[in-house]
C-alpha cells in the first residue's frame, strides 16, 4: 500500500486489521513506527 493509505489505516484507532505482512511503498517515509515494525515493511 502507499504511505497515505498506511497513515489512514493507522489512524483508525483500532487493532491493526491485517494478518499478513504489509509492504508500504514510499519515498518520503524514513522508517516504520515502532509498534508496526513486525507487521509493516517499508519499500522506498
N, C-alpha and C. Protein backbone atom coordinates (compact mmCIF):
# COMPACT_ATOMS: atom_id res chain seq x y z
N UNK A 1 0.84 -1.16 0.00
CA UNK A 1 0.00 0.00 0.00
C UNK A 1 0.89 1.23 0.00
N UNK A 2 0.34 2.36 -0.31
CA UNK A 2 1.09 3.60 -0.28
C UNK A 2 1.12 4.20 1.12
N UNK A 3 1.97 5.19 1.30
CA UNK A 3 2.13 5.82 2.60
C UNK A 3 0.84 6.46 3.10
N UNK A 4 0.10 7.11 2.21
CA UNK A 4 -1.13 7.79 2.62
C UNK A 4 -2.16 6.76 3.11
N UNK A 5 -2.31 5.66 2.41
CA UNK A 5 -3.23 4.61 2.85
C UNK A 5 -2.79 4.05 4.20
N UNK A 6 -1.48 3.83 4.36
CA UNK A 6 -0.96 3.35 5.64
C UNK A 6 -1.32 4.31 6.76
N UNK A 7 -1.13 5.61 6.54
CA UNK A 7 -1.44 6.62 7.56
C UNK A 7 -2.93 6.61 7.91
N UNK A 8 -3.79 6.43 6.91
CA UNK A 8 -5.23 6.38 7.15
C UNK A 8 -5.59 5.17 8.00
N UNK A 9 -5.10 3.99 7.62
CA UNK A 9 -5.40 2.76 8.36
C UNK A 9 -4.84 2.85 9.77
N UNK A 10 -3.64 3.37 9.91
CA UNK A 10 -3.01 3.52 11.22
C UNK A 10 -3.83 4.46 12.11
N UNK A 11 -4.48 5.44 11.51
CA UNK A 11 -5.26 6.41 12.25
C UNK A 11 -6.65 5.95 12.67
N UNK A 12 -7.06 4.74 12.30
CA UNK A 12 -8.38 4.25 12.67
C UNK A 12 -8.55 4.11 14.18
N UNK A 13 -7.44 3.95 14.91
CA UNK A 13 -7.53 3.82 16.36
C UNK A 13 -7.98 2.45 16.83
N UNK A 14 -7.85 1.46 15.96
CA UNK A 14 -8.20 0.09 16.34
C UNK A 14 -6.97 -0.80 16.17
N UNK A 15 -7.15 -2.07 16.49
CA UNK A 15 -6.06 -3.03 16.29
C UNK A 15 -5.74 -3.13 14.80
N UNK A 16 -4.48 -3.39 14.46
CA UNK A 16 -4.05 -3.50 13.07
C UNK A 16 -4.88 -4.56 12.38
N UNK A 17 -5.59 -4.24 11.27
CA UNK A 17 -6.55 -5.17 10.68
C UNK A 17 -5.97 -6.26 9.77
N UNK A 18 -4.68 -6.20 9.46
CA UNK A 18 -4.10 -7.15 8.50
C UNK A 18 -3.36 -8.27 9.22
N UNK A 19 -3.60 -9.49 8.80
CA UNK A 19 -2.93 -10.66 9.40
C UNK A 19 -1.61 -10.96 8.70
N UNK A 20 -1.52 -10.65 7.41
CA UNK A 20 -0.30 -10.90 6.64
C UNK A 20 0.59 -9.66 6.67
N UNK A 21 1.89 -9.81 6.38
CA UNK A 21 2.78 -8.64 6.35
C UNK A 21 2.30 -7.62 5.32
N UNK A 22 2.49 -6.35 5.63
CA UNK A 22 2.10 -5.26 4.74
C UNK A 22 3.36 -4.55 4.28
N UNK A 23 3.45 -4.28 3.00
CA UNK A 23 4.57 -3.54 2.42
C UNK A 23 4.09 -2.15 2.05
N UNK A 24 4.75 -1.14 2.60
CA UNK A 24 4.38 0.25 2.33
C UNK A 24 5.40 0.83 1.36
N UNK A 25 4.91 1.35 0.25
CA UNK A 25 5.76 1.97 -0.76
C UNK A 25 5.79 3.47 -0.53
N UNK A 26 7.00 4.02 -0.27
CA UNK A 26 7.09 5.45 -0.01
C UNK A 26 8.52 5.95 -0.24
N UNK A 27 8.60 7.13 -0.84
CA UNK A 27 9.89 7.81 -0.97
C UNK A 27 10.11 8.81 0.15
N UNK A 28 9.05 9.16 0.89
CA UNK A 28 9.16 10.17 1.92
C UNK A 28 9.22 9.61 3.34
N UNK A 29 8.64 8.46 3.56
CA UNK A 29 8.65 7.84 4.88
C UNK A 29 10.03 7.24 5.13
N UNK A 30 10.64 7.57 6.25
CA UNK A 30 12.00 7.12 6.54
C UNK A 30 12.05 5.82 7.34
N UNK A 31 11.07 5.62 8.23
CA UNK A 31 11.03 4.38 9.00
C UNK A 31 9.61 4.10 9.46
N UNK A 32 9.35 2.85 9.76
CA UNK A 32 8.04 2.41 10.23
C UNK A 32 7.96 2.69 11.73
N UNK A 33 6.81 3.18 12.22
CA UNK A 33 6.67 3.38 13.66
C UNK A 33 6.93 2.09 14.43
N UNK A 34 7.51 2.21 15.59
CA UNK A 34 7.95 1.06 16.40
C UNK A 34 6.85 0.02 16.59
N UNK A 35 5.63 0.44 16.85
CA UNK A 35 4.55 -0.51 17.13
C UNK A 35 4.14 -1.34 15.92
N UNK A 36 4.63 -0.97 14.71
CA UNK A 36 4.29 -1.71 13.49
C UNK A 36 5.49 -2.44 12.88
N UNK A 37 6.64 -2.40 13.51
CA UNK A 37 7.88 -2.96 12.94
C UNK A 37 7.76 -4.43 12.55
N UNK A 38 6.98 -5.21 13.28
CA UNK A 38 6.85 -6.64 12.99
C UNK A 38 5.84 -6.89 11.88
N UNK A 39 4.93 -5.95 11.66
CA UNK A 39 3.82 -6.14 10.73
C UNK A 39 3.98 -5.42 9.41
N UNK A 40 4.77 -4.33 9.38
CA UNK A 40 4.86 -3.45 8.21
C UNK A 40 6.31 -3.32 7.77
N UNK A 41 6.51 -3.41 6.47
CA UNK A 41 7.87 -3.30 5.90
C UNK A 41 7.88 -2.16 4.90
N UNK A 42 8.88 -1.31 5.00
CA UNK A 42 8.98 -0.12 4.17
C UNK A 42 9.80 -0.42 2.91
N UNK A 43 9.23 -0.09 1.76
CA UNK A 43 9.92 -0.21 0.48
C UNK A 43 10.03 1.20 -0.07
N UNK A 44 11.23 1.65 -0.27
CA UNK A 44 11.35 3.04 -0.74
C UNK A 44 12.55 3.27 -1.45
